[in-house]
């Protein structure tokens, strides 16, 4: 990809981060008013974590959401 030939910005990396390494994050919907993140805990115990956009990824704005995810399940989190 030749990013110098374009006037577009490119973001490479993770869109979302959290403070627990065993949690998996998925950006499900990025549309304003419908922004949704799936937070998955593949472990055997409930986990509480704080989810936020990665440094440099500003498409969702700035937020920090704390969520508790039961073991072996996913929860959906709406963001502003």
PDB file of N, CA and C in Angstrom:
ATOM      1  N   UNK A   1       0.839  -1.150   0.000  1.00  0.00           N
ATOM      2  CA  UNK A   1       0.000   0.000   0.000  1.00  0.00           C
ATOM      3  C   UNK A   1       0.899   1.233   0.000  1.00  0.00           C
ATOM      4  N   UNK A   2       0.691   2.100  -0.932  1.00  0.00           N
ATOM      5  CA  UNK A   2       1.474   3.324  -1.043  1.00  0.00           C
ATOM      6  C   UNK A   2       0.713   4.448  -0.340  1.00  0.00           C
ATOM      7  N   UNK A   3       1.035   4.677   0.937  1.00  0.00           N
ATOM      8  CA  UNK A   3       0.304   5.694   1.693  1.00  0.00           C
ATOM      9  C   UNK A   3       0.763   7.109   1.358  1.00  0.00           C
ATOM     10  N   UNK A   4       1.890   7.246   0.707  1.00  0.00           N
ATOM     11  CA  UNK A   4       2.364   8.574   0.346  1.00  0.00           C
ATOM     12  C   UNK A   4       1.632   9.123  -0.875  1.00  0.00           C
ATOM     13  N   UNK A   5       0.995   8.266  -1.637  1.00  0.00           N
ATOM     14  CA  UNK A   5       0.279   8.694  -2.838  1.00  0.00           C
ATOM     15  C   UNK A   5      -1.166   9.063  -2.525  1.00  0.00           C
ATOM     16  N   UNK A   6      -1.538   9.040  -1.259  1.00  0.00           N
ATOM     17  CA  UNK A   6      -2.925   9.283  -0.876  1.00  0.00           C
ATOM     18  C   UNK A   6      -2.987  10.363   0.190  1.00  0.00           C
ATOM     19  N   UNK A   7      -4.112  11.057   0.239  1.00  0.00           N
ATOM     20  CA  UNK A   7      -4.307  12.045   1.288  1.00  0.00           C
ATOM     21  C   UNK A   7      -5.078  11.452   2.468  1.00  0.00           C
ATOM     22  N   UNK A   8      -5.213  10.143   2.496  1.00  0.00           N
ATOM     23  CA  UNK A   8      -5.934   9.469   3.570  1.00  0.00           C
ATOM     24  C   UNK A   8      -4.984   9.071   4.695  1.00  0.00           C
ATOM     25  N   UNK A   9      -5.538   9.018   5.908  1.00  0.00           N
ATOM     26  CA  UNK A   9      -4.773   8.543   7.044  1.00  0.00           C
ATOM     27  C   UNK A   9      -4.964   7.040   7.169  1.00  0.00           C
ATOM     28  N   UNK A  10      -3.932   6.358   7.629  1.00  0.00           N
ATOM     29  CA  UNK A  10      -3.976   4.917   7.806  1.00  0.00           C
ATOM     30  C   UNK A  10      -3.672   4.607   9.261  1.00  0.00           C
ATOM     31  N   UNK A  11      -4.487   3.734   9.869  1.00  0.00           N
ATOM     32  CA  UNK A  11      -4.230   3.282  11.231  1.00  0.00           C
ATOM     33  C   UNK A  11      -3.900   1.807  11.160  1.00  0.00           C
ATOM     34  N   UNK A  12      -2.752   1.413  11.684  1.00  0.00           N
ATOM     35  CA  UNK A  12      -2.350   0.004  11.702  1.00  0.00           C
ATOM     36  C   UNK A  12      -2.149  -0.408  13.155  1.00  0.00           C
ATOM     37  N   UNK A  13      -2.805  -1.471  13.539  1.00  0.00           N
ATOM     38  CA  UNK A  13      -2.666  -1.956  14.910  1.00  0.00           C
ATOM     39  C   UNK A  13      -4.007  -2.315  15.491  1.00  0.00           C
ATOM     40  N   UNK A  14      -4.047  -2.482  16.798  1.00  0.00           N
ATOM     41  CA  UNK A  14      -5.285  -2.815  17.490  1.00  0.00           C
ATOM     42  C   UNK A  14      -6.125  -1.561  17.666  1.00  0.00           C
ATOM     43  N   UNK A  15      -7.416  -1.675  17.400  1.00  0.00           N
ATOM     44  CA  UNK A  15      -8.332  -0.550  17.599  1.00  0.00           C
ATOM     45  C   UNK A  15      -8.624  -0.323  19.071  1.00  0.00           C
ATOM     46  N   UNK A  16      -8.676  -1.421  19.816  1.00  0.00           N
ATOM     47  CA  UNK A  16      -9.096  -1.372  21.209  1.00  0.00           C
ATOM     48  C   UNK A  16      -8.061  -2.049  22.098  1.00  0.00           C
ATOM     49  N   UNK A  17      -7.998  -1.618  23.346  1.00  0.00           N
ATOM     50  CA  UNK A  17      -7.117  -2.240  24.326  1.00  0.00           C
ATOM     51  C   UNK A  17      -7.872  -2.419  25.634  1.00  0.00           C
ATOM     52  N   UNK A  18      -7.341  -3.297  26.483  1.00  0.00           N
ATOM     53  CA  UNK A  18      -7.865  -3.415  27.842  1.00  0.00           C
ATOM     54  C   UNK A  18      -6.730  -3.827  28.761  1.00  0.00           C
ATOM     55  N   UNK A  19      -6.996  -3.792  30.041  1.00  0.00           N
ATOM     56  CA  UNK A  19      -5.961  -4.033  31.039  1.00  0.00           C
ATOM     57  C   UNK A  19      -5.833  -5.495  31.461  1.00  0.00           C
ATOM     58  N   UNK A  20      -6.472  -6.414  30.746  1.00  0.00           N
ATOM     59  CA  UNK A  20      -6.368  -7.848  31.035  1.00  0.00           C
ATOM     60  C   UNK A  20      -5.925  -8.572  29.768  1.00  0.00           C
ATOM     61  N   UNK A  21      -4.785  -9.242  29.784  1.00  0.00           N
ATOM     62  CA  UNK A  21      -4.269  -9.881  28.567  1.00  0.00           C
ATOM     63  C   UNK A  21      -5.097 -11.061  28.066  1.00  0.00           C
ATOM     64  N   UNK A  22      -5.938 -11.651  28.897  1.00  0.00           N
ATOM     65  CA  UNK A  22      -6.719 -12.815  28.479  1.00  0.00           C
ATOM     66  C   UNK A  22      -8.091 -12.456  27.911  1.00  0.00           C
ATOM     67  N   UNK A  23      -8.360 -11.190  27.751  1.00  0.00           N
ATOM     68  CA  UNK A  23      -9.640 -10.726  27.207  1.00  0.00           C
ATOM     69  C   UNK A  23      -9.463 -10.436  25.720  1.00  0.00           C
ATOM     70  N   UNK A  24     -10.440 -10.851  24.924  1.00  0.00           N
ATOM     71  CA  UNK A  24     -10.440 -10.601  23.478  1.00  0.00           C
ATOM     72  C   UNK A  24     -11.472  -9.532  23.160  1.00  0.00           C
ATOM     73  N   UNK A  25     -11.096  -8.585  22.299  1.00  0.00           N
ATOM     74  CA  UNK A  25     -11.963  -7.462  21.958  1.00  0.00           C
ATOM     75  C   UNK A  25     -12.265  -7.455  20.472  1.00  0.00           C
ATOM     76  N   UNK A  26     -13.503  -7.100  20.147  1.00  0.00           N
ATOM     77  CA  UNK A  26     -13.922  -7.017  18.757  1.00  0.00           C
ATOM     78  C   UNK A  26     -14.779  -5.775  18.573  1.00  0.00           C
ATOM     79  N   UNK A  27     -14.416  -4.935  17.629  1.00  0.00           N
ATOM     80  CA  UNK A  27     -15.230  -3.781  17.271  1.00  0.00           C
ATOM     81  C   UNK A  27     -16.325  -4.284  16.342  1.00  0.00           C
ATOM     82  N   UNK A  28     -17.556  -4.325  16.834  1.00  0.00           N
ATOM     83  CA  UNK A  28     -18.674  -4.892  16.086  1.00  0.00           C
ATOM     84  C   UNK A  28     -19.297  -3.849  15.165  1.00  0.00           C
ATOM     85  N   UNK A  29     -19.493  -2.628  15.665  1.00  0.00           N
ATOM     86  CA  UNK A  29     -20.134  -1.578  14.875  1.00  0.00           C
ATOM     87  C   UNK A  29     -19.521  -0.241  15.251  1.00  0.00           C
ATOM     88  N   UNK A  30     -19.129   0.539  14.260  1.00  0.00           N
ATOM     89  CA  UNK A  30     -18.485   1.829  14.525  1.00  0.00           C
ATOM     90  C   UNK A  30     -19.365   3.012  14.150  1.00  0.00           C
ATOM     91  N   UNK A  31     -20.574   2.752  13.679  1.00  0.00           N
ATOM     92  CA  UNK A  31     -21.462   3.843  13.252  1.00  0.00           C
ATOM     93  C   UNK A  31     -21.914   4.673  14.449  1.00  0.00           C
ATOM     94  N   UNK A  32     -21.945   5.994  14.310  1.00  0.00           N
ATOM     95  CA  UNK A  32     -22.418   6.848  15.406  1.00  0.00           C
ATOM     96  C   UNK A  32     -23.812   6.417  15.869  1.00  0.00           C
ATOM     97  N   UNK A  33     -23.986   6.366  17.161  1.00  0.00           N
ATOM     98  CA  UNK A  33     -25.260   5.958  17.743  1.00  0.00           C
ATOM     99  C   UNK A  33     -25.435   4.452  17.831  1.00  0.00           C
ATOM    100  N   UNK A  34     -24.560   3.684  17.195  1.00  0.00           N
ATOM    101  CA  UNK A  34     -24.663   2.223  17.213  1.00  0.00           C
ATOM    102  C   UNK A  34     -23.345   1.569  17.593  1.00  0.00           C
ATOM    103  N   UNK A  35     -22.412   2.329  18.093  1.00  0.00           N
ATOM    104  CA  UNK A  35     -21.074   1.819  18.393  1.00  0.00           C
ATOM    105  C   UNK A  35     -21.145   0.698  19.424  1.00  0.00           C
ATOM    106  N   UNK A  36     -20.564  -0.439  19.044  1.00  0.00           N
ATOM    107  CA  UNK A  36     -20.687  -1.629  19.867  1.00  0.00           C
ATOM    108  C   UNK A  36     -19.367  -2.408  19.867  1.00  0.00           C
ATOM    109  N   UNK A  37     -18.977  -2.861  21.059  1.00  0.00           N
ATOM    110  CA  UNK A  37     -17.768  -3.656  21.237  1.00  0.00           C
ATOM    111  C   UNK A  37     -18.161  -4.976  21.883  1.00  0.00           C
ATOM    112  N   UNK A  38     -17.575  -6.058  21.397  1.00  0.00           N
ATOM    113  CA  UNK A  38     -17.744  -7.358  22.046  1.00  0.00           C
ATOM    114  C   UNK A  38     -16.505  -7.625  22.884  1.00  0.00           C
ATOM    115  N   UNK A  39     -16.727  -7.978  24.146  1.00  0.00           N
ATOM    116  CA  UNK A  39     -15.643  -8.285  25.079  1.00  0.00           C
ATOM    117  C   UNK A  39     -15.790  -9.760  25.456  1.00  0.00           C
ATOM    118  N   UNK A  40     -14.779 -10.568  25.138  1.00  0.00           N
ATOM    119  CA  UNK A  40     -14.867 -12.014  25.352  1.00  0.00           C
ATOM    120  C   UNK A  40     -13.838 -12.477  26.376  1.00  0.00           C
ATOM    121  N   UNK A  41     -14.312 -13.292  27.303  1.00  0.00           N
ATOM    122  CA  UNK A  41     -13.472 -13.887  28.335  1.00  0.00           C
ATOM    123  C   UNK A  41     -13.417 -15.387  28.076  1.00  0.00           C
ATOM    124  N   UNK A  42     -12.314 -15.891  27.554  1.00  0.00           N
ATOM    125  CA  UNK A  42     -12.165 -17.314  27.278  1.00  0.00           C
ATOM    126  C   UNK A  42     -11.702 -18.095  28.504  1.00  0.00           C
ATOM    127  N   UNK A  43     -11.454 -17.395  29.596  1.00  0.00           N
ATOM    128  CA  UNK A  43     -10.927 -18.040  30.796  1.00  0.00           C
ATOM    129  C   UNK A  43     -11.977 -18.774  31.614  1.00  0.00           C
ATOM    130  N   UNK A  44     -11.541 -19.286  32.751  1.00  0.00           N
ATOM    131  CA  UNK A  44     -12.400 -20.079  33.635  1.00  0.00           C
ATOM    132  C   UNK A  44     -12.936 -19.313  34.832  1.00  0.00           C
ATOM    133  N   UNK A  45     -12.576 -18.042  34.948  1.00  0.00           N
ATOM    134  CA  UNK A  45     -13.064 -17.215  36.052  1.00  0.00           C
ATOM    135  C   UNK A  45     -13.566 -15.889  35.498  1.00  0.00           C
ATOM    136  N   UNK A  46     -14.504 -15.249  36.176  1.00  0.00           N
ATOM    137  CA  UNK A  46     -14.969 -13.931  35.721  1.00  0.00           C
ATOM    138  C   UNK A  46     -13.808 -12.931  35.713  1.00  0.00           C
ATOM    139  N   UNK A  47     -13.856 -11.997  34.789  1.00  0.00           N
ATOM    140  CA  UNK A  47     -12.814 -10.970  34.678  1.00  0.00           C
ATOM    141  C   UNK A  47     -13.460  -9.592  34.602  1.00  0.00           C
ATOM    142  N   UNK A  48     -12.892  -8.650  35.322  1.00  0.00           N
ATOM    143  CA  UNK A  48     -13.297  -7.252  35.207  1.00  0.00           C
ATOM    144  C   UNK A  48     -12.158  -6.522  34.533  1.00  0.00           C
ATOM    145  N   UNK A  49     -12.488  -5.772  33.494  1.00  0.00           N
ATOM    146  CA  UNK A  49     -11.449  -5.071  32.744  1.00  0.00           C
ATOM    147  C   UNK A  49     -11.972  -3.703  32.304  1.00  0.00           C
ATOM    148  N   UNK A  50     -11.035  -2.849  31.934  1.00  0.00           N
ATOM    149  CA  UNK A  50     -11.377  -1.538  31.396  1.00  0.00           C
ATOM    150  C   UNK A  50     -10.963  -1.503  29.933  1.00  0.00           C
ATOM    151  N   UNK A  51     -11.932  -1.209  29.071  1.00  0.00           N
ATOM    152  CA  UNK A  51     -11.734  -1.170  27.624  1.00  0.00           C
ATOM    153  C   UNK A  51     -11.652   0.279  27.182  1.00  0.00           C
ATOM    154  N   UNK A  52     -10.713   0.558  26.277  1.00  0.00           N
ATOM    155  CA  UNK A  52     -10.568   1.924  25.746  1.00  0.00           C
ATOM    156  C   UNK A  52     -10.007   1.847  24.333  1.00  0.00           C
ATOM    157  N   UNK A  53     -10.129   2.925  23.568  1.00  0.00           N
ATOM    158  CA  UNK A  53      -9.511   2.936  22.242  1.00  0.00           C
ATOM    159  C   UNK A  53      -7.990   2.911  22.372  1.00  0.00           C
ATOM    160  N   UNK A  54      -7.337   2.302  21.414  1.00  0.00           N
ATOM    161  CA  UNK A  54      -5.879   2.287  21.388  1.00  0.00           C
ATOM    162  C   UNK A  54      -5.361   3.696  21.115  1.00  0.00           C
ATOM    163  N   UNK A  55      -4.154   3.957  21.567  1.00  0.00           N
ATOM    164  CA  UNK A  55      -3.521   5.249  21.327  1.00  0.00           C
ATOM    165  C   UNK A  55      -3.442   5.492  19.812  1.00  0.00           C
ATOM    166  N   UNK A  56      -3.939   6.620  19.388  1.00  0.00           N
ATOM    167  CA  UNK A  56      -3.908   6.964  17.970  1.00  0.00           C
ATOM    168  C   UNK A  56      -5.168   6.616  17.213  1.00  0.00           C
ATOM    169  N   UNK A  57      -6.048   5.792  17.799  1.00  0.00           N
ATOM    170  CA  UNK A  57      -7.305   5.436  17.140  1.00  0.00           C
ATOM    171  C   UNK A  57      -8.399   6.312  17.721  1.00  0.00           C
ATOM    172  N   UNK A  58      -8.847   7.300  16.952  1.00  0.00           N
ATOM    173  CA  UNK A  58      -9.817   8.250  17.487  1.00  0.00           C
ATOM    174  C   UNK A  58     -11.186   8.195  16.802  1.00  0.00           C
ATOM    175  N   UNK A  59     -11.432   7.183  16.014  1.00  0.00           N
ATOM    176  CA  UNK A  59     -12.704   7.061  15.308  1.00  0.00           C
ATOM    177  C   UNK A  59     -13.890   6.936  16.266  1.00  0.00           C
ATOM    178  N   UNK A  60     -13.680   6.359  17.440  1.00  0.00           N
ATOM    179  CA  UNK A  60     -14.755   6.189  18.414  1.00  0.00           C
ATOM    180  C   UNK A  60     -14.760   7.275  19.479  1.00  0.00           C
ATOM    181  N   UNK A  61     -13.850   8.212  19.403  1.00  0.00           N
ATOM    182  CA  UNK A  61     -13.717   9.209  20.454  1.00  0.00           C
ATOM    183  C   UNK A  61     -12.935   8.623  21.618  1.00  0.00           C
ATOM    184  N   UNK A  62     -12.966   9.316  22.742  1.00  0.00           N
ATOM    185  CA  UNK A  62     -12.234   8.874  23.927  1.00  0.00           C
ATOM    186  C   UNK A  62     -13.219   8.358  24.962  1.00  0.00           C
ATOM    187  N   UNK A  63     -12.965   7.181  25.490  1.00  0.00           N
ATOM    188  CA  UNK A  63     -13.804   6.600  26.525  1.00  0.00           C
ATOM    189  C   UNK A  63     -12.996   5.556  27.275  1.00  0.00           C
ATOM    190  N   UNK A  64     -13.496   5.174  28.423  1.00  0.00           N
ATOM    191  CA  UNK A  64     -12.949   4.047  29.198  1.00  0.00           C
ATOM    192  C   UNK A  64     -14.149   3.387  29.859  1.00  0.00           C
ATOM    193  N   UNK A  65     -14.431   2.156  29.462  1.00  0.00           N
ATOM    194  CA  UNK A  65     -15.574   1.417  29.985  1.00  0.00           C
ATOM    195  C   UNK A  65     -15.080   0.236  30.804  1.00  0.00           C
ATOM    196  N   UNK A  66     -15.539   0.139  32.036  1.00  0.00           N
ATOM    197  CA  UNK A  66     -15.209  -1.003  32.876  1.00  0.00           C
ATOM    198  C   UNK A  66     -16.355  -1.997  32.801  1.00  0.00           C
ATOM    199  N   UNK A  67     -16.005  -3.249  32.556  1.00  0.00           N
ATOM    200  CA  UNK A  67     -17.013  -4.287  32.358  1.00  0.00           C
ATOM    201  C   UNK A  67     -16.556  -5.573  33.027  1.00  0.00           C
ATOM    202  N   UNK A  68     -17.511  -6.320  33.574  1.00  0.00           N
ATOM    203  CA  UNK A  68     -17.234  -7.645  34.127  1.00  0.00           C
ATOM    204  C   UNK A  68     -17.803  -8.676  33.172  1.00  0.00           C
ATOM    205  N   UNK A  69     -16.955  -9.635  32.793  1.00  0.00           N
ATOM    206  CA  UNK A  69     -17.341 -10.661  31.830  1.00  0.00           C
ATOM    207  C   UNK A  69     -17.274 -12.025  32.518  1.00  0.00           C
ATOM    208  N   UNK A  70     -18.403 -12.740  32.575  1.00  0.00           N
ATOM    209  CA  UNK A  70     -18.369 -14.076  33.169  1.00  0.00           C
ATOM    210  C   UNK A  70     -17.427 -15.005  32.396  1.00  0.00           C
ATOM    211  N   UNK A  71     -16.990 -16.058  33.047  1.00  0.00           N
ATOM    212  CA  UNK A  71     -16.083 -17.028  32.416  1.00  0.00           C
ATOM    213  C   UNK A  71     -16.713 -17.651  31.186  1.00  0.00           C
ATOM    214  N   UNK A  72     -15.920 -17.751  30.123  1.00  0.00           N
ATOM    215  CA  UNK A  72     -16.343 -18.440  28.911  1.00  0.00           C
ATOM    216  C   UNK A  72     -17.452 -17.773  28.128  1.00  0.00           C
ATOM    217  N   UNK A  73     -17.657 -16.476  28.334  1.00  0.00           N
ATOM    218  CA  UNK A  73     -18.739 -15.784  27.629  1.00  0.00           C
ATOM    219  C   UNK A  73     -18.260 -14.456  27.056  1.00  0.00           C
ATOM    220  N   UNK A  74     -19.164 -13.835  26.328  1.00  0.00           N
ATOM    221  CA  UNK A  74     -18.924 -12.494  25.779  1.00  0.00           C
ATOM    222  C   UNK A  74     -20.026 -11.566  26.257  1.00  0.00           C
ATOM    223  N   UNK A  75     -19.695 -10.299  26.370  1.00  0.00           N
ATOM    224  CA  UNK A  75     -20.692  -9.263  26.620  1.00  0.00           C
ATOM    225  C   UNK A  75     -20.516  -8.184  25.558  1.00  0.00           C
ATOM    226  N   UNK A  76     -21.610  -7.531  25.238  1.00  0.00           N
ATOM    227  CA  UNK A  76     -21.567  -6.410  24.304  1.00  0.00           C
ATOM    228  C   UNK A  76     -21.616  -5.122  25.087  1.00  0.00           C
ATOM    229  N   UNK A  77     -20.808  -4.167  24.685  1.00  0.00           N
ATOM    230  CA  UNK A  77     -20.708  -2.883  25.362  1.00  0.00           C
ATOM    231  C   UNK A  77     -20.961  -1.783  24.347  1.00  0.00           C
ATOM    232  N   UNK A  78     -21.919  -0.922  24.634  1.00  0.00           N
ATOM    233  CA  UNK A  78     -22.172   0.251  23.802  1.00  0.00           C
ATOM    234  C   UNK A  78     -21.236   1.372  24.250  1.00  0.00           C
ATOM    235  N   UNK A  79     -20.712   2.095  23.303  1.00  0.00           N
ATOM    236  CA  UNK A  79     -19.850   3.222  23.638  1.00  0.00           C
ATOM    237  C   UNK A  79     -20.446   4.489  23.034  1.00  0.00           C
ATOM    238  N   UNK A  80     -20.128   5.625  23.632  1.00  0.00           N
ATOM    239  CA  UNK A  80     -20.723   6.900  23.151  1.00  0.00           C
ATOM    240  C   UNK A  80     -20.387   7.214  21.717  1.00  0.00           C
TER     241      UNK A  80
END
